Amino acid sequence: MSCPICGEDTVVKFRPFCSKRCANIDLAKWLNGSYAVPSQREEDVEADESDTSQIGQRPH
């Protein structure tokens, strides 16, 4: 199995990653929103639409 971040062989201690560094890179991607699971709920779609329409109305 190879590391999903860098492609090196995995290490049992950090599986599925090869190192703590790659595990932290993956965690950072989840925390900053690079990875996202799309929602199919209707309420979420409406909330997203209202959020984008209010962006121009917010004071800086």
N, C-alpha and C. Protein backbone atom coordinates (compact mmCIF):
# COMPACT_ATOMS: atom_id res chain seq x y z
N MET A 1 0.86 -1.18 0.00
CA MET A 1 0.00 0.00 0.00
C MET A 1 0.90 1.24 0.00
N SER A 2 0.50 2.24 -0.76
CA SER A 2 1.31 3.45 -0.82
C SER A 2 0.59 4.61 -0.13
N CYS A 3 1.38 5.56 0.35
CA CYS A 3 0.88 6.75 1.04
C CYS A 3 0.04 7.59 0.06
N PRO A 4 -1.16 8.00 0.47
CA PRO A 4 -1.99 8.80 -0.44
C PRO A 4 -1.46 10.22 -0.67
N ILE A 5 -0.54 10.67 0.15
CA ILE A 5 0.01 12.02 0.01
C ILE A 5 1.24 12.03 -0.90
N CYS A 6 2.22 11.17 -0.63
CA CYS A 6 3.47 11.22 -1.38
C CYS A 6 3.75 9.98 -2.23
N GLY A 7 3.04 8.90 -2.01
CA GLY A 7 3.22 7.71 -2.81
C GLY A 7 4.26 6.73 -2.28
N GLU A 8 4.94 7.06 -1.19
CA GLU A 8 5.92 6.15 -0.60
C GLU A 8 5.21 4.97 0.06
N ASP A 9 5.98 3.92 0.41
CA ASP A 9 5.41 2.78 1.13
C ASP A 9 4.95 3.22 2.52
N THR A 10 3.86 2.64 2.99
CA THR A 10 3.31 3.03 4.29
C THR A 10 4.12 2.40 5.42
N VAL A 11 4.00 3.01 6.59
CA VAL A 11 4.61 2.52 7.82
C VAL A 11 3.45 2.14 8.74
N VAL A 12 3.53 0.99 9.37
CA VAL A 12 2.44 0.49 10.19
C VAL A 12 1.99 1.52 11.24
N LYS A 13 2.94 2.20 11.85
CA LYS A 13 2.62 3.18 12.89
C LYS A 13 1.74 4.33 12.38
N PHE A 14 1.92 4.72 11.12
CA PHE A 14 1.21 5.87 10.56
C PHE A 14 0.22 5.48 9.47
N ARG A 15 -0.07 4.22 9.33
CA ARG A 15 -0.92 3.73 8.25
C ARG A 15 -2.22 4.48 8.17
N PRO A 16 -2.66 4.91 7.04
CA PRO A 16 -2.25 4.60 5.68
C PRO A 16 -1.17 5.52 5.14
N PHE A 17 -0.50 6.26 6.01
CA PHE A 17 0.53 7.20 5.58
C PHE A 17 1.92 6.63 5.82
N CYS A 18 2.92 7.30 5.28
CA CYS A 18 4.30 6.83 5.45
C CYS A 18 4.99 7.50 6.64
N SER A 19 4.44 8.63 7.09
CA SER A 19 5.08 9.37 8.17
C SER A 19 4.08 10.28 8.86
N LYS A 20 4.50 10.81 9.98
CA LYS A 20 3.68 11.77 10.73
C LYS A 20 3.45 13.03 9.88
N ARG A 21 4.46 13.41 9.11
CA ARG A 21 4.35 14.60 8.24
C ARG A 21 3.21 14.44 7.25
N CYS A 22 3.15 13.31 6.56
CA CYS A 22 2.08 13.09 5.58
C CYS A 22 0.71 13.00 6.26
N ALA A 23 0.67 12.41 7.45
CA ALA A 23 -0.59 12.35 8.20
C ALA A 23 -1.06 13.76 8.56
N ASN A 24 -0.13 14.62 8.94
CA ASN A 24 -0.47 16.00 9.29
C ASN A 24 -0.90 16.80 8.06
N ILE A 25 -0.28 16.55 6.93
CA ILE A 25 -0.69 17.23 5.69
C ILE A 25 -2.13 16.86 5.36
N ASP A 26 -2.46 15.58 5.49
CA ASP A 26 -3.82 15.12 5.22
C ASP A 26 -4.81 15.76 6.20
N LEU A 27 -4.46 15.80 7.47
CA LEU A 27 -5.33 16.41 8.48
C LEU A 27 -5.54 17.89 8.16
N ALA A 28 -4.50 18.58 7.77
CA ALA A 28 -4.62 20.00 7.43
C ALA A 28 -5.56 20.21 6.25
N LYS A 29 -5.53 19.31 5.28
CA LYS A 29 -6.45 19.42 4.14
C LYS A 29 -7.89 19.28 4.58
N TRP A 30 -8.16 18.39 5.54
CA TRP A 30 -9.53 18.26 6.06
C TRP A 30 -9.92 19.51 6.84
N LEU A 31 -9.02 20.02 7.65
CA LEU A 31 -9.35 21.16 8.51
C LEU A 31 -9.53 22.46 7.74
N ASN A 32 -8.79 22.66 6.65
CA ASN A 32 -8.94 23.91 5.91
C ASN A 32 -9.99 23.83 4.81
N GLY A 33 -10.63 22.67 4.67
CA GLY A 33 -11.73 22.54 3.72
C GLY A 33 -11.33 22.09 2.33
N SER A 34 -10.07 21.70 2.13
CA SER A 34 -9.66 21.20 0.82
C SER A 34 -10.41 19.93 0.46
N TYR A 35 -10.67 19.11 1.47
CA TYR A 35 -11.48 17.92 1.28
C TYR A 35 -12.88 18.28 1.78
N ALA A 36 -13.87 17.89 1.06
CA ALA A 36 -15.23 18.13 1.51
C ALA A 36 -16.14 17.04 0.96
N VAL A 37 -17.11 16.68 1.75
CA VAL A 37 -18.09 15.70 1.33
C VAL A 37 -19.35 16.47 0.98
N PRO A 38 -19.77 16.44 -0.29
CA PRO A 38 -20.95 17.21 -0.69
C PRO A 38 -22.22 16.66 -0.05
N SER A 39 -23.10 17.55 0.29
CA SER A 39 -24.38 17.18 0.88
C SER A 39 -25.46 17.21 -0.18
N GLN A 40 -26.39 16.31 -0.08
CA GLN A 40 -27.51 16.27 -1.00
C GLN A 40 -28.80 16.73 -0.32
N ARG A 41 -28.69 17.20 0.92
CA ARG A 41 -29.88 17.66 1.65
C ARG A 41 -30.34 18.99 1.10
N GLU A 42 -31.63 19.13 0.93
CA GLU A 42 -32.20 20.34 0.35
C GLU A 42 -31.94 21.57 1.22
N GLU A 43 -31.97 21.42 2.54
CA GLU A 43 -31.73 22.56 3.43
C GLU A 43 -30.33 23.12 3.23
N ASP A 44 -29.36 22.24 2.99
CA ASP A 44 -27.99 22.69 2.80
C ASP A 44 -27.84 23.50 1.52
N VAL A 45 -28.52 23.10 0.48
CA VAL A 45 -28.45 23.82 -0.79
C VAL A 45 -29.03 25.22 -0.62
N GLU A 46 -30.17 25.31 0.07
CA GLU A 46 -30.79 26.62 0.31
C GLU A 46 -29.90 27.49 1.19
N ALA A 47 -29.26 26.91 2.18
CA ALA A 47 -28.37 27.68 3.06
C ALA A 47 -27.17 28.21 2.29
N ASP A 48 -26.61 27.39 1.40
CA ASP A 48 -25.48 27.83 0.58
C ASP A 48 -25.89 28.98 -0.33
N GLU A 49 -27.06 28.90 -0.91
CA GLU A 49 -27.53 29.96 -1.80
C GLU A 49 -27.73 31.27 -1.04
N SER A 50 -28.27 31.20 0.16
CA SER A 50 -28.48 32.43 0.93
C SER A 50 -27.15 33.00 1.42
N ASP A 51 -26.18 32.15 1.72
CA ASP A 51 -24.86 32.62 2.13
C ASP A 51 -24.18 33.38 1.00
N THR A 52 -24.27 32.87 -0.22
CA THR A 52 -23.61 33.53 -1.34
C THR A 52 -24.31 34.82 -1.73
N SER A 53 -25.61 34.91 -1.52
CA SER A 53 -26.32 36.13 -1.88
C SER A 53 -26.06 37.24 -0.86
N GLN A 54 -25.65 36.89 0.35
CA GLN A 54 -25.40 37.88 1.39
C GLN A 54 -23.96 38.37 1.40
N ILE A 55 -23.09 37.75 0.63
CA ILE A 55 -21.68 38.13 0.64
C ILE A 55 -21.50 39.58 0.25
N GLY A 56 -22.19 40.04 -0.77
CA GLY A 56 -22.06 41.43 -1.21
C GLY A 56 -22.70 42.42 -0.26
N GLN A 57 -23.55 41.97 0.65
CA GLN A 57 -24.25 42.84 1.58
C GLN A 57 -23.53 43.06 2.89
N ARG A 58 -22.48 42.30 3.14
CA ARG A 58 -21.78 42.40 4.41
C ARG A 58 -20.80 43.56 4.40
N PRO A 59 -20.73 44.36 5.47
CA PRO A 59 -19.74 45.43 5.54
C PRO A 59 -18.34 44.82 5.78
N HIS A 60 -17.34 45.50 5.34
CA HIS A 60 -15.98 45.00 5.48
C HIS A 60 -15.48 45.20 6.85
